[in-house]
N, C-alpha and C. Protein backbone atom coordinates (compact mmCIF):
# COMPACT_ATOMS: atom_id res chain seq x y z
N MET A 1 -69.68 -96.56 39.66
CA MET A 1 -70.45 -95.89 38.81
C MET A 1 -70.74 -94.14 39.61
N ASN A 2 -70.73 -93.39 38.66
CA ASN A 2 -71.08 -92.21 38.99
C ASN A 2 -72.57 -91.82 38.73
N VAL A 3 -73.01 -90.59 39.22
CA VAL A 3 -74.50 -90.00 39.47
C VAL A 3 -74.51 -89.60 37.67
N PHE A 4 -73.72 -89.46 37.05
CA PHE A 4 -74.18 -89.22 35.60
C PHE A 4 -74.49 -90.84 34.35
N ASP A 5 -73.75 -91.37 35.35
CA ASP A 5 -74.13 -93.37 34.67
C ASP A 5 -75.64 -93.48 35.30
N LYS A 6 -75.63 -93.28 36.28
CA LYS A 6 -76.81 -93.51 37.50
C LYS A 6 -78.53 -92.72 36.18
N LEU A 7 -78.11 -91.46 36.42
CA LEU A 7 -79.02 -91.17 35.31
C LEU A 7 -79.40 -91.37 33.95
N ARG A 8 -78.47 -92.29 33.45
CA ARG A 8 -78.49 -92.76 31.97
C ARG A 8 -79.30 -93.63 32.38
N GLY A 9 -79.37 -94.62 33.10
CA GLY A 9 -79.97 -95.60 33.33
C GLY A 9 -81.36 -95.21 34.18
N ASN A 10 -81.35 -94.91 35.32
CA ASN A 10 -82.22 -94.46 36.68
C ASN A 10 -83.27 -93.67 36.18
N PRO A 11 -84.31 -93.64 36.69
CA PRO A 11 -85.31 -92.52 36.81
C PRO A 11 -84.69 -91.75 37.84
N ILE A 12 -85.24 -90.07 37.79
CA ILE A 12 -84.90 -89.73 39.21
C ILE A 12 -85.44 -89.80 40.21
N GLU A 13 -86.44 -90.61 40.51
CA GLU A 13 -86.91 -91.01 41.68
C GLU A 13 -86.34 -92.25 42.28
N LYS A 14 -85.63 -92.56 41.72
CA LYS A 14 -84.53 -93.32 42.37
C LYS A 14 -83.06 -92.99 42.86
N MET A 15 -82.53 -91.61 42.54
CA MET A 15 -81.56 -91.49 42.70
C MET A 15 -81.59 -90.81 44.22
N ARG A 16 -80.50 -91.12 44.95
CA ARG A 16 -80.36 -90.46 46.28
C ARG A 16 -80.06 -89.06 46.38
N ILE A 17 -80.43 -88.41 47.10
CA ILE A 17 -80.01 -86.96 47.14
C ILE A 17 -78.68 -87.27 47.82
N ASP A 18 -78.30 -87.91 48.94
CA ASP A 18 -76.86 -88.16 49.47
C ASP A 18 -75.65 -88.64 48.32
N ASP A 19 -76.07 -89.12 47.38
CA ASP A 19 -75.30 -89.34 46.35
C ASP A 19 -75.11 -87.89 45.18
N LEU A 20 -76.39 -87.40 45.35
CA LEU A 20 -76.10 -86.00 44.32
C LEU A 20 -74.89 -85.00 44.94
N ARG A 21 -75.71 -84.91 46.44
CA ARG A 21 -74.50 -83.92 47.09
C ARG A 21 -73.10 -84.08 47.25
N GLU A 22 -72.94 -85.76 47.55
CA GLU A 22 -71.37 -86.15 47.14
C GLU A 22 -70.61 -85.74 46.23
N GLU A 23 -71.41 -85.83 45.19
CA GLU A 23 -70.93 -85.64 43.61
C GLU A 23 -71.00 -84.28 43.43
N GLU A 24 -71.68 -83.50 43.98
CA GLU A 24 -71.76 -82.21 43.55
C GLU A 24 -70.46 -81.26 44.29
N ILE A 25 -70.29 -81.90 45.63
CA ILE A 25 -69.07 -81.23 46.74
C ILE A 25 -67.56 -82.13 45.64
N ARG A 26 -67.64 -83.19 45.18
CA ARG A 26 -66.43 -83.38 44.40
C ARG A 26 -66.55 -82.55 43.26
N LEU A 27 -67.34 -82.40 42.41
CA LEU A 27 -67.13 -81.31 41.17
C LEU A 27 -66.75 -79.92 41.41
N LYS A 28 -67.35 -79.61 42.83
CA LYS A 28 -67.12 -77.96 43.10
C LYS A 28 -65.72 -77.76 43.44
N ASN A 29 -65.00 -79.00 44.12
CA ASN A 29 -63.80 -78.98 44.24
C ASN A 29 -62.47 -79.48 43.30
N GLN A 30 -62.91 -79.96 42.08
CA GLN A 30 -62.18 -79.70 40.93
C GLN A 30 -62.66 -78.55 39.66
N ILE A 31 -63.78 -78.10 40.00
CA ILE A 31 -63.73 -76.50 39.00
C ILE A 31 -63.18 -75.56 39.87
N GLU A 32 -62.90 -75.60 41.16
CA GLU A 32 -61.92 -75.05 41.92
C GLU A 32 -60.45 -75.38 41.70
N ARG A 33 -59.89 -76.62 41.25
CA ARG A 33 -58.38 -76.80 41.32
C ARG A 33 -58.27 -76.28 39.39
N ILE A 34 -59.35 -76.51 38.94
CA ILE A 34 -58.68 -76.14 37.60
C ILE A 34 -58.87 -74.56 37.74
N ARG A 35 -59.75 -73.75 38.24
CA ARG A 35 -59.71 -72.33 38.13
C ARG A 35 -58.24 -71.91 38.18
N LYS A 36 -57.88 -72.57 39.45
CA LYS A 36 -56.69 -72.19 40.10
C LYS A 36 -55.62 -72.53 39.00
N ASP A 37 -55.54 -73.67 38.27
CA ASP A 37 -54.56 -74.25 37.16
C ASP A 37 -54.76 -73.05 36.22
N ILE A 38 -55.82 -72.71 35.52
CA ILE A 38 -55.83 -71.95 34.48
C ILE A 38 -55.34 -70.30 35.08
N GLN A 39 -55.60 -70.18 36.24
CA GLN A 39 -55.09 -68.75 36.68
C GLN A 39 -53.45 -68.49 37.06
N HIS A 40 -52.99 -69.96 37.05
CA HIS A 40 -51.62 -69.82 37.11
C HIS A 40 -50.86 -69.88 36.03
N LEU A 41 -51.65 -70.79 34.62
CA LEU A 41 -50.97 -70.46 33.59
C LEU A 41 -51.23 -69.09 32.75
N GLU A 42 -52.20 -68.38 33.14
CA GLU A 42 -52.16 -67.16 32.56
C GLU A 42 -50.88 -66.54 33.55
N LYS A 43 -50.76 -66.52 34.66
CA LYS A 43 -49.61 -65.66 35.22
C LYS A 43 -48.39 -65.95 34.60
N GLU A 44 -48.25 -67.35 34.13
CA GLU A 44 -46.81 -68.07 33.42
C GLU A 44 -46.97 -67.19 32.21
N LYS A 45 -47.84 -66.64 31.35
CA LYS A 45 -47.89 -66.72 30.44
C LYS A 45 -47.50 -64.86 30.43
N LYS A 46 -48.08 -64.44 30.89
CA LYS A 46 -47.72 -63.10 31.21
C LYS A 46 -46.09 -63.00 31.85
N LYS A 47 -45.59 -63.76 32.03
CA LYS A 47 -44.13 -64.21 33.01
C LYS A 47 -43.28 -64.22 31.74
N LYS A 48 -43.76 -65.00 31.07
CA LYS A 48 -42.92 -65.35 29.71
C LYS A 48 -42.84 -64.22 28.87
N PHE A 49 -43.83 -63.48 28.80
CA PHE A 49 -44.20 -62.33 27.61
C PHE A 49 -43.47 -61.00 28.17
N GLN A 50 -43.11 -60.92 29.57
CA GLN A 50 -42.52 -59.76 29.96
C GLN A 50 -41.08 -60.33 30.21
N GLU A 51 -40.27 -61.54 30.05
CA GLU A 51 -38.72 -62.16 29.96
C GLU A 51 -38.68 -61.28 28.47
N GLY A 52 -39.71 -61.60 27.37
CA GLY A 52 -38.96 -61.67 26.19
C GLY A 52 -39.01 -59.84 25.82
N ILE A 53 -39.29 -59.13 26.60
CA ILE A 53 -39.19 -57.38 26.18
C ILE A 53 -37.42 -57.43 26.28
N GLY A 54 -37.22 -56.79 25.25
CA GLY A 54 -35.95 -56.30 25.12
C GLY A 54 -34.90 -57.32 24.86
N GLY A 55 -35.36 -59.10 24.58
CA GLY A 55 -34.44 -59.73 24.27
C GLY A 55 -34.26 -60.07 22.81
N ASP A 56 -33.02 -60.82 22.57
CA ASP A 56 -32.88 -61.04 20.73
C ASP A 56 -33.73 -61.75 20.32
N LEU A 57 -33.68 -61.85 18.90
CA LEU A 57 -34.65 -62.64 18.41
C LEU A 57 -35.10 -64.04 18.52
N ILE A 58 -33.48 -64.94 18.83
CA ILE A 58 -33.71 -66.06 19.08
C ILE A 58 -34.21 -66.32 20.33
N LYS A 59 -34.28 -65.46 21.31
CA LYS A 59 -35.21 -65.71 22.89
C LYS A 59 -36.38 -65.29 22.84
N LYS A 60 -36.82 -64.49 21.62
CA LYS A 60 -38.47 -64.25 22.12
C LYS A 60 -38.69 -65.50 21.09
N LYS A 61 -38.37 -66.04 20.23
CA LYS A 61 -38.76 -67.19 19.54
C LYS A 61 -39.00 -68.11 20.68
N MET A 62 -38.01 -68.67 20.98
CA MET A 62 -38.63 -69.11 21.96
C MET A 62 -39.52 -69.15 23.13
N LEU A 63 -39.47 -67.87 23.63
CA LEU A 63 -40.30 -67.71 24.52
C LEU A 63 -41.86 -67.83 23.80
N ALA A 64 -42.00 -67.45 22.49
CA ALA A 64 -43.02 -67.10 21.70
C ALA A 64 -43.37 -68.89 21.72
N GLN A 65 -42.63 -69.80 21.55
CA GLN A 65 -43.02 -71.25 21.35
C GLN A 65 -43.60 -71.88 22.79
N GLU A 66 -43.03 -71.05 24.02
CA GLU A 66 -43.46 -71.74 25.15
C GLU A 66 -44.92 -71.22 25.59
N ILE A 67 -44.94 -69.96 25.03
CA ILE A 67 -46.24 -69.19 25.49
C ILE A 67 -47.33 -69.87 24.53
N LYS A 68 -47.22 -70.08 23.27
CA LYS A 68 -47.92 -71.00 22.74
C LYS A 68 -48.53 -72.43 23.47
N GLN A 69 -47.60 -72.94 23.86
CA GLN A 69 -47.84 -74.19 24.55
C GLN A 69 -48.52 -74.23 25.88
N ILE A 70 -48.42 -72.95 26.61
CA ILE A 70 -49.05 -72.50 27.69
C ILE A 70 -50.45 -72.35 27.61
N ASP A 71 -50.60 -71.48 26.26
CA ASP A 71 -51.86 -71.20 26.27
C ASP A 71 -53.03 -72.47 25.21
N MET A 72 -52.00 -73.32 24.87
CA MET A 72 -52.76 -74.48 24.31
C MET A 72 -53.18 -75.72 25.85
N GLU A 73 -52.00 -75.49 26.96
CA GLU A 73 -52.59 -76.17 28.08
C GLU A 73 -53.62 -75.28 28.63
N GLY A 74 -53.74 -73.80 28.51
CA GLY A 74 -54.80 -73.39 29.04
C GLY A 74 -56.26 -73.65 28.45
N LYS A 75 -56.28 -74.08 27.09
CA LYS A 75 -57.50 -74.21 26.30
C LYS A 75 -58.01 -75.37 26.59
N LEU A 76 -57.22 -76.48 26.97
CA LEU A 76 -57.31 -77.52 27.53
C LEU A 76 -58.29 -77.27 28.50
N LYS A 77 -57.35 -76.91 29.47
CA LYS A 77 -58.43 -76.41 30.92
C LYS A 77 -59.53 -75.84 31.02
N MET A 78 -59.62 -75.24 30.15
CA MET A 78 -60.71 -74.42 30.10
C MET A 78 -61.71 -75.28 29.21
N ARG A 79 -61.62 -76.07 28.59
CA ARG A 79 -62.39 -76.63 27.99
C ARG A 79 -62.96 -78.01 29.02
N THR A 80 -62.12 -78.57 30.09
CA THR A 80 -62.67 -79.29 30.99
C THR A 80 -62.94 -78.52 32.25
N PHE A 81 -63.01 -77.09 32.40
CA PHE A 81 -63.42 -76.27 33.05
C PHE A 81 -64.77 -76.28 32.82
N THR A 82 -64.88 -76.00 31.39
CA THR A 82 -66.41 -76.22 30.86
C THR A 82 -67.24 -77.28 31.31
N ILE A 83 -66.74 -78.21 30.78
CA ILE A 83 -67.47 -79.63 30.94
C ILE A 83 -68.27 -79.74 32.36
N LEU A 84 -66.98 -79.28 33.46
CA LEU A 84 -67.10 -79.84 34.77
C LEU A 84 -68.10 -78.61 35.23
N HIS A 85 -68.30 -77.78 34.85
CA HIS A 85 -69.11 -76.86 35.28
C HIS A 85 -70.67 -76.83 34.63
N LYS A 86 -70.53 -77.79 33.89
CA LYS A 86 -72.11 -78.13 32.64
C LYS A 86 -72.66 -79.08 34.02
N GLN A 87 -71.63 -80.09 34.23
CA GLN A 87 -72.16 -81.21 35.18
C GLN A 87 -72.27 -80.90 36.27
N TYR A 88 -71.66 -79.71 37.02
CA TYR A 88 -72.40 -79.09 38.25
C TYR A 88 -73.50 -78.72 38.62
N THR A 89 -73.62 -77.96 37.27
CA THR A 89 -74.97 -77.41 36.80
C THR A 89 -76.15 -78.20 36.80
N LEU A 90 -76.00 -79.28 36.12
CA LEU A 90 -76.88 -80.63 36.21
C LEU A 90 -76.96 -80.79 37.39
N LEU A 91 -76.02 -81.48 38.24
CA LEU A 91 -76.41 -81.83 39.57
C LEU A 91 -77.12 -80.55 40.51
N SER A 92 -76.88 -79.56 40.61
CA SER A 92 -77.17 -78.76 41.39
C SER A 92 -79.16 -78.51 40.70
N ASN A 93 -79.56 -78.68 39.63
CA ASN A 93 -80.52 -79.17 39.37
C ASN A 93 -81.32 -79.98 39.91
N LEU A 94 -80.54 -81.29 39.33
CA LEU A 94 -81.46 -82.57 40.03
C LEU A 94 -81.34 -82.18 41.75
N LEU A 95 -80.81 -81.73 42.29
CA LEU A 95 -80.87 -81.65 43.70
C LEU A 95 -82.22 -80.54 43.85
N VAL A 96 -82.47 -80.02 43.23
CA VAL A 96 -83.56 -78.86 43.17
C VAL A 96 -84.98 -79.70 42.83
N ILE A 97 -84.83 -80.52 41.99
CA ILE A 97 -85.65 -81.51 41.73
C ILE A 97 -86.05 -82.26 42.40
N LYS A 98 -84.86 -83.07 43.06
CA LYS A 98 -85.41 -84.15 44.26
C LYS A 98 -86.07 -83.29 45.70
N LYS A 99 -86.07 -82.14 45.72
CA LYS A 99 -85.89 -81.49 46.83
C LYS A 99 -87.75 -81.30 46.59
N TYR A 100 -88.11 -81.01 45.64
CA TYR A 100 -89.54 -80.54 45.12
C TYR A 100 -89.79 -81.93 44.84
N GLU A 101 -89.67 -83.13 44.99
CA GLU A 101 -90.25 -84.19 43.97
C GLU A 101 -91.47 -84.70 44.60
N LYS A 102 -91.86 -84.54 45.88
CA LYS A 102 -93.20 -84.92 46.04
C LYS A 102 -94.33 -83.74 45.63
N GLN A 103 -93.83 -83.04 45.48
CA GLN A 103 -94.54 -81.73 44.89
C GLN A 103 -94.74 -82.18 43.29
N LEU A 104 -93.33 -82.05 42.86
CA LEU A 104 -93.59 -82.38 41.53
C LEU A 104 -94.54 -83.81 40.96
N LYS A 105 -94.68 -84.78 41.52
CA LYS A 105 -95.06 -85.44 41.40
C LYS A 105 -96.51 -85.40 41.12
N SER A 106 -96.88 -84.43 41.52
CA SER A 106 -98.91 -84.33 41.34
C SER A 106 -98.79 -83.14 40.52
N THR A 107 -98.00 -82.80 39.57
CA THR A 107 -98.78 -82.44 38.12
C THR A 107 -98.02 -83.24 37.28
N PRO A 108 -98.55 -82.53 35.89
CA PRO A 108 -98.25 -83.16 34.32
C PRO A 108 -96.69 -83.15 34.21
N LEU A 109 -95.82 -82.31 34.63
CA LEU A 109 -94.43 -82.13 34.44
C LEU A 109 -93.88 -83.43 35.07
N TRP A 110 -94.10 -83.90 35.89
CA TRP A 110 -93.41 -85.00 36.45
C TRP A 110 -93.19 -86.07 35.50
N GLU A 111 -94.61 -86.27 34.81
CA GLU A 111 -94.54 -87.61 33.61
C GLU A 111 -93.89 -87.11 32.39
N LYS A 112 -93.15 -85.85 32.22
CA LYS A 112 -92.56 -84.91 31.15
C LYS A 112 -90.93 -85.69 31.80
N LEU A 113 -90.88 -85.35 32.79
CA LEU A 113 -89.54 -85.77 33.77
C LEU A 113 -89.23 -87.25 33.35
N MET A 114 -89.93 -88.05 33.41
CA MET A 114 -89.72 -89.58 33.49
C MET A 114 -90.17 -90.08 32.32
N LYS A 115 -90.56 -89.68 31.45
CA LYS A 115 -90.64 -89.88 29.82
C LYS A 115 -89.61 -89.57 28.75
N VAL A 116 -89.24 -88.40 29.48
CA VAL A 116 -87.71 -87.84 28.45
C VAL A 116 -86.89 -88.83 28.62
N LYS A 117 -86.09 -88.73 27.02
CA LYS A 117 -84.77 -89.65 27.16
C LYS A 117 -83.78 -88.98 28.17
N PRO A 118 -82.83 -90.04 28.86
CA PRO A 118 -82.01 -89.11 29.85
C PRO A 118 -81.01 -88.53 29.02
N GLU A 119 -80.73 -88.49 28.00
CA GLU A 119 -79.69 -87.60 27.06
C GLU A 119 -80.75 -85.99 26.95
N GLN A 120 -81.81 -86.11 26.59
CA GLN A 120 -82.53 -84.90 26.44
C GLN A 120 -82.44 -84.25 28.07
N LEU A 121 -82.84 -85.19 28.94
CA LEU A 121 -83.06 -84.31 30.23
C LEU A 121 -81.99 -84.18 30.53
N GLU A 122 -80.72 -84.52 30.74
CA GLU A 122 -79.06 -84.20 30.88
C GLU A 122 -79.20 -82.86 30.26
N SER A 123 -79.21 -82.44 28.82
CA SER A 123 -79.37 -81.44 28.51
C SER A 123 -79.91 -80.34 28.76
N THR A 124 -81.29 -80.45 28.62
CA THR A 124 -82.04 -79.85 29.28
C THR A 124 -82.21 -79.00 30.50
N LEU A 125 -81.33 -80.02 31.57
CA LEU A 125 -80.95 -79.44 33.03
C LEU A 125 -79.43 -78.92 33.16
N ILE A 126 -78.63 -78.70 31.86
CA ILE A 126 -77.60 -78.02 32.19
C ILE A 126 -78.07 -76.38 31.48
N LYS A 127 -79.17 -76.36 31.05
CA LYS A 127 -79.36 -75.14 30.00
C LYS A 127 -80.25 -74.12 31.00
N VAL A 128 -80.19 -74.77 32.11
CA VAL A 128 -81.33 -73.94 32.91
C VAL A 128 -80.65 -73.85 34.56
N ASN A 129 -81.32 -72.72 34.82
CA ASN A 129 -80.37 -72.47 36.66
C ASN A 129 -81.91 -72.75 37.45
N LEU A 130 -82.33 -73.89 38.02
CA LEU A 130 -83.02 -73.83 39.39
C LEU A 130 -82.83 -73.62 40.41
N HIS A 131 -81.53 -73.10 40.54
CA HIS A 131 -80.99 -73.14 41.92
C HIS A 131 -81.54 -71.74 42.67
N GLY A 132 -82.15 -72.47 43.98
CA GLY A 132 -82.76 -70.78 44.58
C GLY A 132 -84.37 -70.14 44.15
N LYS A 133 -84.66 -71.40 43.33
CA LYS A 133 -86.00 -71.20 42.98
C LYS A 133 -87.37 -71.39 43.50
N THR A 134 -88.34 -71.03 43.41
CA THR A 134 -89.51 -71.67 44.31
C THR A 134 -89.96 -72.50 43.66
N PHE A 135 -91.19 -73.51 43.96
CA PHE A 135 -91.73 -74.20 43.49
C PHE A 135 -92.19 -73.70 42.23
N ASP A 136 -93.06 -72.80 42.34
CA ASP A 136 -93.81 -71.83 41.12
C ASP A 136 -92.68 -71.38 39.75
N GLU A 137 -91.48 -70.87 40.27
CA GLU A 137 -90.82 -70.63 39.63
C GLU A 137 -90.00 -72.03 38.87
N LEU A 138 -89.84 -72.73 39.28
CA LEU A 138 -88.98 -74.01 39.21
C LEU A 138 -90.19 -75.21 38.05
N LEU A 139 -91.59 -74.60 37.97
CA LEU A 139 -92.47 -75.07 37.22
C LEU A 139 -92.09 -74.46 35.92
N ASP A 140 -92.36 -73.07 35.77
CA ASP A 140 -92.49 -71.98 35.27
C ASP A 140 -91.15 -72.45 33.96
N ASP A 141 -89.94 -72.50 34.39
CA ASP A 141 -88.62 -72.69 34.23
C ASP A 141 -88.67 -74.05 33.04
N LEU A 142 -89.52 -74.99 33.93
CA LEU A 142 -89.10 -76.54 33.28
C LEU A 142 -89.75 -76.74 32.10
N ASN A 143 -91.41 -76.09 32.34
CA ASN A 143 -92.44 -76.10 31.44
C ASN A 143 -91.76 -75.05 29.99
N ARG A 144 -91.06 -74.06 30.08
CA ARG A 144 -90.64 -73.07 29.03
C ARG A 144 -89.57 -74.10 28.67
N VAL A 145 -88.72 -74.71 28.93
CA VAL A 145 -87.41 -75.05 28.29
C VAL A 145 -88.02 -76.68 27.99
N PHE A 146 -89.04 -77.19 28.36
CA PHE A 146 -89.21 -78.63 27.36
C PHE A 146 -90.62 -78.13 26.33
N GLU A 147 -91.39 -77.08 26.38
CA GLU A 147 -92.11 -76.15 25.39
C GLU A 147 -91.13 -75.84 24.27
N MET A 148 -90.00 -74.56 24.56
CA MET A 148 -89.29 -73.89 23.17
C MET A 148 -88.51 -74.71 22.81
N GLU A 149 -88.02 -74.79 21.43
CA GLU A 149 -86.91 -75.36 20.93
C GLU A 149 -85.65 -75.01 21.30
N VAL A 150 -85.02 -76.54 21.83
CA VAL A 150 -83.44 -76.01 22.04
C VAL A 150 -82.80 -74.72 21.57
N ALA A 151 -82.76 -75.16 19.84
CA ALA A 151 -82.38 -73.87 19.34
C ALA A 151 -82.32 -72.77 20.27
N GLU A 152 -83.79 -72.19 19.88
CA GLU A 152 -84.09 -71.01 20.75
C GLU A 152 -83.63 -70.64 21.99
N TYR A 153 -83.66 -71.71 22.76
CA TYR A 153 -83.18 -71.19 24.22
C TYR A 153 -81.32 -71.53 24.05
N GLU A 154 -80.90 -71.82 23.31
CA GLU A 154 -79.32 -71.95 23.27
C GLU A 154 -79.48 -70.68 22.89
N GLU A 155 -79.71 -70.10 21.59
CA GLU A 155 -79.32 -69.02 21.28
C GLU A 155 -79.47 -67.82 22.54
N LYS A 156 -80.53 -67.35 22.85
CA LYS A 156 -80.60 -66.67 24.09
C LYS A 156 -79.68 -66.78 24.88
N GLU A 157 -79.28 -68.15 25.39
CA GLU A 157 -77.89 -68.38 26.77
C GLU A 157 -76.58 -67.62 25.92
N ASP A 158 -76.60 -68.11 24.58
CA ASP A 158 -75.51 -67.61 23.63
C ASP A 158 -75.58 -65.87 23.93
N GLU A 159 -76.28 -65.63 23.50
CA GLU A 159 -76.67 -63.88 23.57
C GLU A 159 -75.93 -63.48 25.01
N ALA A 160 -76.78 -63.61 25.92
CA ALA A 160 -76.12 -63.25 27.49
C ALA A 160 -74.76 -63.56 27.42
N GLU A 161 -74.38 -64.67 26.86
CA GLU A 161 -72.74 -65.06 27.26
C GLU A 161 -71.79 -63.53 26.43
N LYS A 162 -72.24 -63.68 25.50
CA LYS A 162 -71.61 -62.14 24.31
C LYS A 162 -71.71 -61.12 25.26
N LYS A 163 -72.52 -60.92 25.52
CA LYS A 163 -73.00 -59.50 26.26
C LYS A 163 -72.32 -59.43 27.35
N ILE A 164 -71.63 -60.45 28.26
CA ILE A 164 -70.87 -60.66 29.30
C ILE A 164 -69.32 -60.42 29.42
N MET A 165 -68.91 -61.27 27.81
CA MET A 165 -67.74 -60.86 27.61
C MET A 165 -67.73 -59.66 26.78
N ASP A 166 -68.82 -58.73 25.91
CA ASP A 166 -68.41 -57.99 25.44
C ASP A 166 -67.72 -56.69 26.49
N LEU A 167 -69.06 -57.03 27.93
CA LEU A 167 -68.77 -56.11 28.68
C LEU A 167 -67.59 -55.83 29.28
N TRP A 168 -66.72 -57.36 29.53
CA TRP A 168 -65.11 -57.02 29.94
C TRP A 168 -64.53 -56.77 29.16
N ASN A 169 -64.60 -57.07 27.92
CA ASN A 169 -63.32 -56.30 27.16
C ASN A 169 -63.56 -54.70 26.58
N GLN A 170 -64.69 -54.37 27.18
CA GLN A 170 -65.06 -52.99 27.19
C GLN A 170 -64.13 -52.54 28.14
N VAL A 171 -64.05 -53.19 29.60
CA VAL A 171 -63.46 -52.40 30.74
C VAL A 171 -62.06 -52.92 30.77
N GLU A 172 -61.64 -53.73 30.04
CA GLU A 172 -60.21 -54.24 30.09
C GLU A 172 -59.29 -53.35 28.77
N SER A 173 -60.57 -52.86 28.02
CA SER A 173 -59.62 -52.11 26.87
C SER A 173 -59.82 -50.54 27.49
N GLY A 174 -60.86 -50.15 28.36
CA GLY A 174 -60.90 -48.90 28.66
C GLY A 174 -61.54 -48.03 27.57
N THR A 175 -62.74 -48.85 27.46
CA THR A 175 -63.40 -47.76 26.82
C THR A 175 -64.79 -47.36 27.54
N LYS A 176 -64.80 -48.08 28.53
CA LYS A 176 -65.83 -48.06 29.46
C LYS A 176 -65.38 -48.49 30.93
N THR A 177 -65.91 -47.69 31.76
CA THR A 177 -65.14 -47.89 33.36
C THR A 177 -66.03 -48.72 34.12
N MET A 178 -65.78 -49.18 35.35
CA MET A 178 -66.66 -50.49 35.75
C MET A 178 -68.11 -49.54 35.94
N GLU A 179 -68.25 -48.19 36.69
CA GLU A 179 -69.20 -47.46 36.61
C GLU A 179 -70.17 -47.47 36.14
N GLU A 180 -69.78 -47.06 34.62
CA GLU A 180 -70.46 -47.00 33.57
C GLU A 180 -70.85 -48.54 32.87
N ILE A 181 -70.50 -49.35 33.41
CA ILE A 181 -71.13 -51.27 33.09
C ILE A 181 -72.07 -50.96 33.89
N GLU A 182 -71.53 -50.68 35.38
CA GLU A 182 -72.73 -51.25 36.22
C GLU A 182 -73.94 -50.22 36.00
N LYS A 183 -73.94 -49.07 35.62
CA LYS A 183 -74.98 -47.88 35.45
C LYS A 183 -75.80 -48.70 34.16
N GLU A 184 -75.12 -49.42 33.06
CA GLU A 184 -75.70 -49.60 32.29
C GLU A 184 -76.18 -51.05 32.24
N LEU A 185 -75.83 -51.80 32.91
CA LEU A 185 -76.96 -53.08 33.47
C LEU A 185 -77.73 -52.73 34.59
N LYS A 186 -77.56 -51.65 35.47
CA LYS A 186 -78.65 -51.37 36.13
C LYS A 186 -79.84 -51.01 35.26
N THR A 187 -79.71 -50.15 34.14
CA THR A 187 -80.89 -49.77 33.41
C THR A 187 -81.25 -51.03 32.38
N GLU A 188 -80.66 -51.78 32.15
CA GLU A 188 -81.05 -52.97 31.61
C GLU A 188 -82.08 -53.63 32.80
N GLU A 189 -81.67 -53.96 33.58
CA GLU A 189 -82.52 -54.64 35.11
C GLU A 189 -83.40 -54.03 35.22
N GLU A 190 -83.65 -52.47 34.90
CA GLU A 190 -84.93 -51.50 35.31
C GLU A 190 -85.93 -51.85 34.04
N MET A 191 -85.28 -51.83 33.23
CA MET A 191 -86.30 -52.12 31.59
C MET A 191 -87.01 -53.33 31.58
N GLU A 192 -86.00 -54.40 31.95
CA GLU A 192 -87.02 -55.56 32.20
C GLU A 192 -87.67 -55.54 32.89
């Protein structure tokens, strides 16, 4: 039985820190392996594309099929990577909660954590990043997430991800340099 099965059946206070840390390490290793696999597939796609340059139509069609297969495999690996990363975030956040468990028990938030359905707790802890937060920041983040609508929170997260993807695309397409992007990010941070 892994930690996620235990989460569905047990309250946080019955979880052991050692079990959480062990699972966190296991997930971190899996994530790293998949990341390397994805990088390898991307290199393989580029290699196949290069092979097709100057080739005849039949060779290009065959390579196009191979590239499509590699691409599909990459998408499947990316989906697995995303799932594992969410699980890793959940575990990291559970570890932070366990770290502050004694202090949390003296707050109304602890009751919320104990009463919430395991599925809702899981989805909530996937959406926040509690790593490196002080106790007060932890309380603020968890209270905000429990109080705000899930859709509103997801929308905020999606916007941030879209912005990052857009910045990468601008650099990769050559429309902006890394220096311009860094200046833009610094300006936004200063405004916040």
